[in-house]
């Protein structure tokens, strides 16, 4: 579904990614792990066309996308739940969802506001509330719902549960499991390694902009030295 091959990304003269490679299969949930400042968000920005890639190749469903504009990449079927949620604060919950709706999907497969409300019943009761009136957990539900309204084939979540209460974090993990069961491919960044090992198929660890480890949940669980050395857990 998505493959990054030897990606080099810069911010001005400063290099952030050094030949980074990873791939996500169709229907797979994959995590991207690493300490703060190691290049996780830069990887996401590179995929989405928000930070230009100077070397390597990014392919989505067989199509080279690393020179495409960000809006064209999104239209191809990649939905982003950004770090910090970044919902539209002066739009209502319902308006946030409608604003990102993408056409061109068969009606039986398309995400609608009704389907999002079915996934997140709490949002339906807040449909008329402004985005900035929601709690952090509700904002994250809205950010995920907004991404789903683009009808993605790949969903990317940057810091999926950052700053959320334990009960809400648990709900978000259950939601991602349900989305995976529907066949959605998912790339998720989060610091909760134990939760990620329970729901993800595979994991990549990056250190200073390079891929330094990859493997399954079972392999990561059996590698405490890797977790301590690269993640501090």
Protein backbone atom coordinates (compact mmCIF):
# COMPACT_ATOMS: atom_id res chain seq x y z
CA UNK A 1 0.00 0.00 0.00
CA UNK A 2 2.73 2.49 1.00
CA UNK A 3 6.47 2.19 0.56
CA UNK A 4 9.26 4.63 1.41
CA UNK A 5 12.65 3.78 -0.08
CA UNK A 6 15.85 5.57 0.98
CA UNK A 7 14.08 8.84 1.79
CA UNK A 8 16.20 11.98 2.38
CA UNK A 9 14.33 15.00 3.76
CA UNK A 10 15.74 18.41 4.69
CA UNK A 11 14.58 21.52 6.50
CA UNK A 12 16.57 24.13 4.63
CA UNK A 13 20.21 23.00 4.88
CA UNK A 14 19.52 20.69 7.82
CA UNK A 15 19.01 17.03 6.98
CA UNK A 16 16.27 15.28 8.98
CA UNK A 17 15.87 11.88 7.29
CA UNK A 18 18.84 9.80 6.16
CA UNK A 19 17.83 7.10 3.67
CA UNK A 20 14.77 6.06 5.67
CA UNK A 21 12.78 3.08 4.39
CA UNK A 22 9.52 1.44 5.50
CA UNK A 23 6.45 -0.17 4.00
CA UNK A 24 2.84 -0.87 4.93
CA UNK A 25 0.85 -3.69 3.38
CA UNK A 26 -2.82 -3.55 2.47
CA UNK A 27 -4.94 -3.92 5.62
CA UNK A 28 -1.90 -3.76 7.87
CA UNK A 29 -1.43 -1.66 11.01
CA UNK A 30 2.16 -0.52 11.47
CA UNK A 31 3.71 1.67 14.14
CA UNK A 32 6.54 4.16 13.79
CA UNK A 33 8.49 4.42 17.04
CA UNK A 34 11.36 6.52 18.33
CA UNK A 35 12.27 9.14 20.88
CA UNK A 36 11.24 12.77 20.42
CA UNK A 37 13.09 14.55 17.65
CA UNK A 38 14.15 11.42 15.77
CA UNK A 39 12.14 12.11 12.61
CA UNK A 40 8.72 10.53 13.10
CA UNK A 41 6.69 13.62 12.26
CA UNK A 42 9.10 14.50 9.44
CA UNK A 43 8.40 11.06 7.98
CA UNK A 44 4.67 11.78 8.07
CA UNK A 45 5.18 15.22 6.53
CA UNK A 46 7.29 13.65 3.78
CA UNK A 47 4.53 11.15 2.95
CA UNK A 48 1.89 13.87 2.87
CA UNK A 49 3.93 16.19 0.66
CA UNK A 50 4.20 18.84 3.37
CA UNK A 51 8.00 18.70 3.56
CA UNK A 52 9.72 18.11 0.20
CA UNK A 53 11.75 14.94 -0.26
CA UNK A 54 15.13 15.45 -1.94
CA UNK A 55 16.10 11.82 -2.38
CA UNK A 56 14.53 8.38 -2.54
CA UNK A 57 11.04 7.36 -3.53
CA UNK A 58 7.58 7.23 -1.97
CA UNK A 59 4.97 5.05 -3.64
CA UNK A 60 1.31 4.73 -2.71
CA UNK A 61 -0.58 1.82 -4.24
CA UNK A 62 2.14 1.60 -6.90
CA UNK A 63 2.12 5.31 -7.81
CA UNK A 64 5.14 7.55 -7.20
CA UNK A 65 3.81 10.40 -5.03
CA UNK A 66 6.86 12.10 -3.55
CA UNK A 67 6.76 14.97 -6.05
CA UNK A 68 2.99 15.47 -5.84
CA UNK A 69 1.32 18.42 -4.13
CA UNK A 70 -0.14 17.72 -0.71
CA UNK A 71 -3.76 18.09 -1.84
CA UNK A 72 -3.27 15.56 -4.63
CA UNK A 73 -1.75 13.06 -2.19
CA UNK A 74 -4.72 13.45 0.14
CA UNK A 75 -7.13 12.91 -2.77
CA UNK A 76 -5.40 9.64 -3.63
CA UNK A 77 -6.64 8.22 -0.34
CA UNK A 78 -4.27 9.08 2.50
CA UNK A 79 -5.97 10.53 5.58
CA UNK A 80 -3.98 12.31 8.29
CA UNK A 81 -4.76 12.79 11.97
CA UNK A 82 -2.02 15.32 12.78
CA UNK A 83 -0.16 15.80 16.02
CA UNK A 84 -2.08 18.25 18.18
CA UNK A 85 -5.36 17.34 16.40
CA UNK A 86 -5.61 20.72 14.57
CA UNK A 87 -9.38 20.67 14.20
CA UNK A 88 -11.10 23.81 12.94
CA UNK A 89 -11.88 25.64 16.21
CA UNK A 90 -14.48 28.04 14.81
CA UNK A 91 -16.52 25.38 13.02
CA UNK A 92 -19.02 23.09 14.69
CA UNK A 93 -18.36 19.38 15.02
CA UNK A 94 -20.71 18.70 12.11
CA UNK A 95 -19.09 21.41 9.97
CA UNK A 96 -15.63 19.99 10.71
CA UNK A 97 -16.77 16.64 9.34
CA UNK A 98 -18.57 17.99 6.28
CA UNK A 99 -15.65 20.27 5.39
CA UNK A 100 -13.36 17.34 4.58
CA UNK A 101 -15.86 15.00 2.89
CA UNK A 102 -14.47 13.53 -0.34
CA UNK A 103 -16.68 12.37 -3.19
CA UNK A 104 -15.92 9.72 -5.77
CA UNK A 105 -16.32 6.72 -3.46
CA UNK A 106 -19.10 4.13 -3.95
CA UNK A 107 -21.97 5.04 -1.59
CA UNK A 108 -21.86 1.69 0.19
CA UNK A 109 -18.17 2.24 1.03
CA UNK A 110 -18.20 5.97 1.70
CA UNK A 111 -17.82 7.43 5.15
CA UNK A 112 -20.71 9.72 6.05
CA UNK A 113 -21.42 11.84 9.10
CA UNK A 114 -23.90 9.15 10.21
CA UNK A 115 -21.19 6.47 10.08
CA UNK A 116 -18.76 8.69 11.98
CA UNK A 117 -21.39 9.36 14.64
CA UNK A 118 -21.97 5.61 14.88
CA UNK A 119 -18.25 5.16 15.56
CA UNK A 120 -18.16 8.11 17.95
CA UNK A 121 -21.61 8.52 19.57
CA UNK A 122 -20.26 11.26 21.82
CA UNK A 123 -19.67 13.44 18.76
CA UNK A 124 -23.31 13.21 17.74
CA UNK A 125 -24.37 14.75 21.04
CA UNK A 126 -21.81 17.52 20.40
CA UNK A 127 -22.65 18.04 16.72
CA UNK A 128 -23.58 21.70 17.20
CA UNK A 129 -20.65 22.54 19.48
CA UNK A 130 -17.71 24.57 18.20
CA UNK A 131 -14.47 22.63 17.89
CA UNK A 132 -12.75 24.67 20.58
CA UNK A 133 -15.51 23.79 23.06
CA UNK A 134 -14.65 20.08 23.03
CA UNK A 135 -12.50 18.19 25.49
CA UNK A 136 -9.14 16.82 24.34
CA UNK A 137 -10.60 13.35 23.89
CA UNK A 138 -13.55 14.66 21.90
CA UNK A 139 -11.20 16.68 19.72
CA UNK A 140 -9.19 13.55 18.95
CA UNK A 141 -12.36 11.67 18.05
CA UNK A 142 -13.28 14.57 15.77
CA UNK A 143 -9.81 14.62 14.19
CA UNK A 144 -10.11 10.90 13.41
CA UNK A 145 -13.67 11.36 12.13
CA UNK A 146 -12.58 14.26 9.95
CA UNK A 147 -9.82 12.11 8.43
CA UNK A 148 -12.29 9.27 7.82
CA UNK A 149 -14.56 11.67 5.93
CA UNK A 150 -11.83 11.91 3.29
CA UNK A 151 -12.51 8.20 2.67
CA UNK A 152 -8.87 7.13 3.04
CA UNK A 153 -7.36 3.80 2.11
CA UNK A 154 -4.47 4.59 4.44
CA UNK A 155 -4.94 6.39 7.77
CA UNK A 156 -1.93 8.05 9.45
CA UNK A 157 -2.11 9.10 13.10
CA UNK A 158 0.69 11.23 14.56
CA UNK A 159 0.70 10.90 18.38
CA UNK A 160 -2.63 9.09 18.47
CA UNK A 161 -3.27 9.34 22.23
CA UNK A 162 -0.95 12.12 23.39
CA UNK A 163 -2.31 14.01 26.40
CA UNK A 164 -5.46 11.90 26.71
CA UNK A 165 -6.89 10.31 29.85
CA UNK A 166 -6.42 6.52 30.19
CA UNK A 167 -10.11 5.82 29.51
CA UNK A 168 -10.02 7.83 26.29
CA UNK A 169 -6.73 6.24 25.23
CA UNK A 170 -8.32 2.81 25.61
CA UNK A 171 -11.27 3.93 23.50
CA UNK A 172 -8.95 5.21 20.74
CA UNK A 173 -7.08 1.88 20.64
CA UNK A 174 -10.39 0.01 20.35
CA UNK A 175 -11.42 2.35 17.55
CA UNK A 176 -8.22 1.69 15.62
CA UNK A 177 -8.73 -2.05 16.04
CA UNK A 178 -12.25 -1.71 14.60
CA UNK A 179 -10.94 0.30 11.65
CA UNK A 180 -8.28 -2.32 10.97
CA UNK A 181 -10.97 -5.02 11.02
CA UNK A 182 -12.74 -3.04 8.28
CA UNK A 183 -9.62 -3.45 6.12
CA UNK A 184 -8.15 0.03 6.55
CA UNK A 185 -4.36 0.29 6.39
CA UNK A 186 -3.00 2.31 9.33
CA UNK A 187 0.32 3.93 10.24
CA UNK A 188 0.35 5.06 13.86
CA UNK A 189 2.83 7.04 15.95
CA UNK A 190 2.48 6.91 19.72
CA UNK A 191 4.58 6.52 22.85
CA UNK A 192 2.47 3.72 24.37
CA UNK A 193 4.56 0.79 23.17
CA UNK A 194 2.63 -1.85 25.12
CA UNK A 195 -0.68 -0.81 23.54
CA UNK A 196 0.88 -0.69 20.09
CA UNK A 197 2.27 -4.21 20.47
CA UNK A 198 -1.26 -5.45 21.20
CA UNK A 199 -2.85 -4.02 18.07
CA UNK A 200 -0.14 -3.53 15.42
CA UNK A 201 1.18 -6.13 13.01
CA UNK A 202 4.67 -4.67 12.65
CA UNK A 203 6.85 -1.88 14.01
CA UNK A 204 9.64 0.38 12.78
CA UNK A 205 12.02 2.21 15.12
CA UNK A 206 13.86 5.25 13.84
CA UNK A 207 16.89 6.94 15.39
CA UNK A 208 18.27 10.23 14.08
CA UNK A 209 16.32 9.94 10.86
CA UNK A 210 17.27 6.34 10.06
CA UNK A 211 15.41 3.05 10.35
CA UNK A 212 17.34 1.09 13.00
CA UNK A 213 14.95 -1.80 13.72
CA UNK A 214 11.87 -3.43 12.25
CA UNK A 215 9.87 -6.48 13.22
CA UNK A 216 6.60 -7.95 14.41
CA UNK A 217 4.91 -7.36 17.76
CA UNK A 218 6.19 -10.73 18.97
CA UNK A 219 9.73 -9.85 17.97
CA UNK A 220 9.54 -6.47 19.69
CA UNK A 221 8.10 -8.04 22.85
CA UNK A 222 11.06 -10.43 22.87
CA UNK A 223 13.63 -7.67 22.46
CA UNK A 224 13.72 -5.71 25.75
CA UNK A 225 17.20 -4.45 24.90
CA UNK A 226 15.88 -2.83 21.73
CA UNK A 227 13.07 -1.11 23.64
CA UNK A 228 15.44 0.16 26.32
CA UNK A 229 18.12 1.23 23.88
CA UNK A 230 15.98 3.10 21.39
CA UNK A 231 12.76 3.90 23.26
CA UNK A 232 13.80 4.11 26.91
CA UNK A 233 11.09 1.64 28.01
